[in-house]
Amino acid sequence: MTKKVHEQVADEQYRLFKMAGYSEDRARREQAATREYGRRMAEQRSKGKR
């Protein structure tokens, strides 16, 4: 199964935060927030198409 774009972005966000020296916890939270945001945007788009 391929990842959705917002999930790739979330993983990338996580990597960047880790490289920038943030704690594991902070990086995970950022990843979760990005993923959640992406999911909402995707739902909005699918609603708009109907």
PDB file of N, CA and C in Angstrom:
ATOM      1  N   MET A   1       0.835  -1.207   0.000  1.00  0.00           N
ATOM      2  CA  MET A   1       0.000   0.000   0.000  1.00  0.00           C
ATOM      3  C   MET A   1       0.871   1.258   0.000  1.00  0.00           C
ATOM      4  N   THR A   2       0.525   2.189  -0.837  1.00  0.00           N
ATOM      5  CA  THR A   2       1.308   3.424  -0.898  1.00  0.00           C
ATOM      6  C   THR A   2       0.844   4.384   0.178  1.00  0.00           C
ATOM      7  N   LYS A   3       1.770   5.208   0.629  1.00  0.00           N
ATOM      8  CA  LYS A   3       1.427   6.195   1.636  1.00  0.00           C
ATOM      9  C   LYS A   3       0.732   7.369   0.984  1.00  0.00           C
ATOM     10  N   LYS A   4      -0.177   7.974   1.740  1.00  0.00           N
ATOM     11  CA  LYS A   4      -0.792   9.195   1.248  1.00  0.00           C
ATOM     12  C   LYS A   4       0.223  10.326   1.376  1.00  0.00           C
ATOM     13  N   VAL A   5       0.037  11.359   0.590  1.00  0.00           N
ATOM     14  CA  VAL A   5       1.000  12.462   0.576  1.00  0.00           C
ATOM     15  C   VAL A   5       1.182  13.054   1.964  1.00  0.00           C
ATOM     16  N   HIS A   6       0.085  13.310   2.672  1.00  0.00           N
ATOM     17  CA  HIS A   6       0.225  13.933   3.987  1.00  0.00           C
ATOM     18  C   HIS A   6       0.965  13.037   4.975  1.00  0.00           C
ATOM     19  N   GLU A   7       0.938  11.728   4.754  1.00  0.00           N
ATOM     20  CA  GLU A   7       1.697  10.835   5.627  1.00  0.00           C
ATOM     21  C   GLU A   7       3.188  10.923   5.325  1.00  0.00           C
ATOM     22  N   GLN A   8       3.522  11.063   4.050  1.00  0.00           N
ATOM     23  CA  GLN A   8       4.931  11.255   3.680  1.00  0.00           C
ATOM     24  C   GLN A   8       5.433  12.556   4.276  1.00  0.00           C
ATOM     25  N   VAL A   9       4.605  13.595   4.178  1.00  0.00           N
ATOM     26  CA  VAL A   9       4.969  14.899   4.741  1.00  0.00           C
ATOM     27  C   VAL A   9       5.169  14.786   6.245  1.00  0.00           C
ATOM     28  N   ALA A  10       4.286  14.043   6.908  1.00  0.00           N
ATOM     29  CA  ALA A  10       4.382  13.864   8.356  1.00  0.00           C
ATOM     30  C   ALA A  10       5.687  13.158   8.733  1.00  0.00           C
ATOM     31  N   ASP A  11       6.059  12.146   7.961  1.00  0.00           N
ATOM     32  CA  ASP A  11       7.311  11.436   8.236  1.00  0.00           C
ATOM     33  C   ASP A  11       8.510  12.346   8.026  1.00  0.00           C
ATOM     34  N   GLU A  12       8.427  13.147   6.983  1.00  0.00           N
ATOM     35  CA  GLU A  12       9.497  14.099   6.679  1.00  0.00           C
ATOM     36  C   GLU A  12       9.626  15.107   7.823  1.00  0.00           C
ATOM     37  N   GLN A  13       8.481  15.591   8.294  1.00  0.00           N
ATOM     38  CA  GLN A  13       8.429  16.540   9.410  1.00  0.00           C
ATOM     39  C   GLN A  13       9.138  15.939  10.619  1.00  0.00           C
ATOM     40  N   TYR A  14       8.839  14.681  10.890  1.00  0.00           N
ATOM     41  CA  TYR A  14       9.442  13.967  12.015  1.00  0.00           C
ATOM     42  C   TYR A  14      10.963  13.941  11.888  1.00  0.00           C
ATOM     43  N   ARG A  15      11.436  13.570  10.689  1.00  0.00           N
ATOM     44  CA  ARG A  15      12.889  13.509  10.461  1.00  0.00           C
ATOM     45  C   ARG A  15      13.550  14.864  10.674  1.00  0.00           C
ATOM     46  N   LEU A  16      12.924  15.904  10.146  1.00  0.00           N
ATOM     47  CA  LEU A  16      13.493  17.246  10.276  1.00  0.00           C
ATOM     48  C   LEU A  16      13.583  17.662  11.737  1.00  0.00           C
ATOM     49  N   PHE A  17      12.532  17.393  12.498  1.00  0.00           N
ATOM     50  CA  PHE A  17      12.536  17.758  13.912  1.00  0.00           C
ATOM     51  C   PHE A  17      13.601  16.998  14.674  1.00  0.00           C
ATOM     52  N   LYS A  18      13.795  15.709  14.330  1.00  0.00           N
ATOM     53  CA  LYS A  18      14.830  14.913  14.985  1.00  0.00           C
ATOM     54  C   LYS A  18      16.214  15.482  14.660  1.00  0.00           C
ATOM     55  N   MET A  19      16.429  15.832  13.389  1.00  0.00           N
ATOM     56  CA  MET A  19      17.723  16.376  12.979  1.00  0.00           C
ATOM     57  C   MET A  19      17.996  17.712  13.656  1.00  0.00           C
ATOM     58  N   ALA A  20      16.938  18.479  13.857  1.00  0.00           N
ATOM     59  CA  ALA A  20      17.092  19.797  14.473  1.00  0.00           C
ATOM     60  C   ALA A  20      17.323  19.683  15.978  1.00  0.00           C
ATOM     61  N   GLY A  21      17.310  18.444  16.489  1.00  0.00           N
ATOM     62  CA  GLY A  21      17.656  18.226  17.885  1.00  0.00           C
ATOM     63  C   GLY A  21      16.479  18.307  18.847  1.00  0.00           C
ATOM     64  N   TYR A  22      15.263  18.247  18.322  1.00  0.00           N
ATOM     65  CA  TYR A  22      14.110  18.225  19.217  1.00  0.00           C
ATOM     66  C   TYR A  22      14.003  16.856  19.860  1.00  0.00           C
ATOM     67  N   SER A  23      13.285  16.782  20.974  1.00  0.00           N
ATOM     68  CA  SER A  23      13.111  15.504  21.661  1.00  0.00           C
ATOM     69  C   SER A  23      12.220  14.579  20.822  1.00  0.00           C
ATOM     70  N   GLU A  24      12.344  13.293  21.100  1.00  0.00           N
ATOM     71  CA  GLU A  24      11.525  12.276  20.439  1.00  0.00           C
ATOM     72  C   GLU A  24      10.047  12.635  20.579  1.00  0.00           C
ATOM     73  N   ASP A  25       9.659  13.013  21.784  1.00  0.00           N
ATOM     74  CA  ASP A  25       8.263  13.329  22.087  1.00  0.00           C
ATOM     75  C   ASP A  25       7.747  14.478  21.225  1.00  0.00           C
ATOM     76  N   ARG A  26       8.549  15.537  21.164  1.00  0.00           N
ATOM     77  CA  ARG A  26       8.151  16.717  20.383  1.00  0.00           C
ATOM     78  C   ARG A  26       8.029  16.370  18.894  1.00  0.00           C
ATOM     79  N   ALA A  27       8.982  15.592  18.406  1.00  0.00           N
ATOM     80  CA  ALA A  27       8.974  15.194  16.998  1.00  0.00           C
ATOM     81  C   ALA A  27       7.750  14.340  16.681  1.00  0.00           C
ATOM     82  N   ARG A  28       7.420  13.425  17.585  1.00  0.00           N
ATOM     83  CA  ARG A  28       6.243  12.564  17.395  1.00  0.00           C
ATOM     84  C   ARG A  28       4.960  13.388  17.371  1.00  0.00           C
ATOM     85  N   ARG A  29       4.863  14.351  18.293  1.00  0.00           N
ATOM     86  CA  ARG A  29       3.665  15.205  18.345  1.00  0.00           C
ATOM     87  C   ARG A  29       3.500  15.984  17.058  1.00  0.00           C
ATOM     88  N   GLU A  30       4.613  16.505  16.563  1.00  0.00           N
ATOM     89  CA  GLU A  30       4.588  17.278  15.321  1.00  0.00           C
ATOM     90  C   GLU A  30       4.128  16.384  14.168  1.00  0.00           C
ATOM     91  N   GLN A  31       4.638  15.154  14.146  1.00  0.00           N
ATOM     92  CA  GLN A  31       4.271  14.192  13.105  1.00  0.00           C
ATOM     93  C   GLN A  31       2.769  13.896  13.160  1.00  0.00           C
ATOM     94  N   ALA A  32       2.264  13.668  14.356  1.00  0.00           N
ATOM     95  CA  ALA A  32       0.844  13.356  14.534  1.00  0.00           C
ATOM     96  C   ALA A  32      -0.033  14.530  14.105  1.00  0.00           C
ATOM     97  N   ALA A  33       0.386  15.743  14.473  1.00  0.00           N
ATOM     98  CA  ALA A  33      -0.379  16.938  14.126  1.00  0.00           C
ATOM     99  C   ALA A  33      -0.438  17.124  12.612  1.00  0.00           C
ATOM    100  N   THR A  34       0.698  16.918  11.955  1.00  0.00           N
ATOM    101  CA  THR A  34       0.758  17.069  10.501  1.00  0.00           C
ATOM    102  C   THR A  34      -0.137  16.045   9.825  1.00  0.00           C
ATOM    103  N   ARG A  35      -0.088  14.810  10.337  1.00  0.00           N
ATOM    104  CA  ARG A  35      -0.885  13.736   9.751  1.00  0.00           C
ATOM    105  C   ARG A  35      -2.371  14.036   9.913  1.00  0.00           C
ATOM    106  N   GLU A  36      -2.757  14.508  11.106  1.00  0.00           N
ATOM    107  CA  GLU A  36      -4.152  14.840  11.397  1.00  0.00           C
ATOM    108  C   GLU A  36      -4.644  15.965  10.485  1.00  0.00           C
ATOM    109  N   TYR A  37      -3.807  16.984  10.348  1.00  0.00           N
ATOM    110  CA  TYR A  37      -4.141  18.123   9.490  1.00  0.00           C
ATOM    111  C   TYR A  37      -4.340  17.661   8.049  1.00  0.00           C
ATOM    112  N   GLY A  38      -3.443  16.819   7.578  1.00  0.00           N
ATOM    113  CA  GLY A  38      -3.519  16.309   6.218  1.00  0.00           C
ATOM    114  C   GLY A  38      -4.784  15.500   5.985  1.00  0.00           C
ATOM    115  N   ARG A  39      -5.157  14.722   6.996  1.00  0.00           N
ATOM    116  CA  ARG A  39      -6.357  13.910   6.881  1.00  0.00           C
ATOM    117  C   ARG A  39      -7.596  14.790   6.761  1.00  0.00           C
ATOM    118  N   ARG A  40      -7.637  15.850   7.571  1.00  0.00           N
ATOM    119  CA  ARG A  40      -8.774  16.770   7.511  1.00  0.00           C
ATOM    120  C   ARG A  40      -8.876  17.456   6.160  1.00  0.00           C
ATOM    121  N   MET A  41      -7.727  17.879   5.642  1.00  0.00           N
ATOM    122  CA  MET A  41      -7.712  18.529   4.329  1.00  0.00           C
ATOM    123  C   MET A  41      -8.231  17.563   3.260  1.00  0.00           C
ATOM    124  N   ALA A  42      -7.811  16.307   3.350  1.00  0.00           N
ATOM    125  CA  ALA A  42      -8.245  15.292   2.391  1.00  0.00           C
ATOM    126  C   ALA A  42      -9.759  15.087   2.463  1.00  0.00           C
ATOM    127  N   GLU A  43     -10.296  15.079   3.672  1.00  0.00           N
ATOM    128  CA  GLU A  43     -11.740  14.926   3.837  1.00  0.00           C
ATOM    129  C   GLU A  43     -12.483  16.105   3.248  1.00  0.00           C
ATOM    130  N   GLN A  44     -11.965  17.304   3.471  1.00  0.00           N
ATOM    131  CA  GLN A  44     -12.567  18.520   2.916  1.00  0.00           C
ATOM    132  C   GLN A  44     -12.636  18.405   1.400  1.00  0.00           C
ATOM    133  N   ARG A  45     -11.522  17.993   0.801  1.00  0.00           N
ATOM    134  CA  ARG A  45     -11.465  17.882  -0.662  1.00  0.00           C
ATOM    135  C   ARG A  45     -12.481  16.856  -1.191  1.00  0.00           C
ATOM    136  N   SER A  46     -12.588  15.720  -0.509  1.00  0.00           N
ATOM    137  CA  SER A  46     -13.517  14.699  -0.987  1.00  0.00           C
ATOM    138  C   SER A  46     -14.965  15.167  -0.827  1.00  0.00           C
ATOM    139  N   LYS A  47     -15.248  15.959   0.203  1.00  0.00           N
ATOM    140  CA  LYS A  47     -16.593  16.519   0.361  1.00  0.00           C
ATOM    141  C   LYS A  47     -16.910  17.484  -0.769  1.00  0.00           C
ATOM    142  N   GLY A  48     -15.910  18.291  -1.136  1.00  0.00           N
ATOM    143  CA  GLY A  48     -16.098  19.276  -2.184  1.00  0.00           C
ATOM    144  C   GLY A  48     -16.402  18.656  -3.538  1.00  0.00           C
ATOM    145  N   LYS A  49     -15.881  17.454  -3.776  1.00  0.00           N
ATOM    146  CA  LYS A  49     -16.077  16.795  -5.079  1.00  0.00           C
ATOM    147  C   LYS A  49     -17.505  16.307  -5.261  1.00  0.00           C
ATOM    148  N   ARG A  50     -18.141  15.882  -4.151  1.00  0.00           N
ATOM    149  CA  ARG A  50     -19.487  15.308  -4.258  1.00  0.00           C
ATOM    150  C   ARG A  50     -20.519  16.310  -4.736  1.00  0.00           C
TER     151      ARG A  50
END
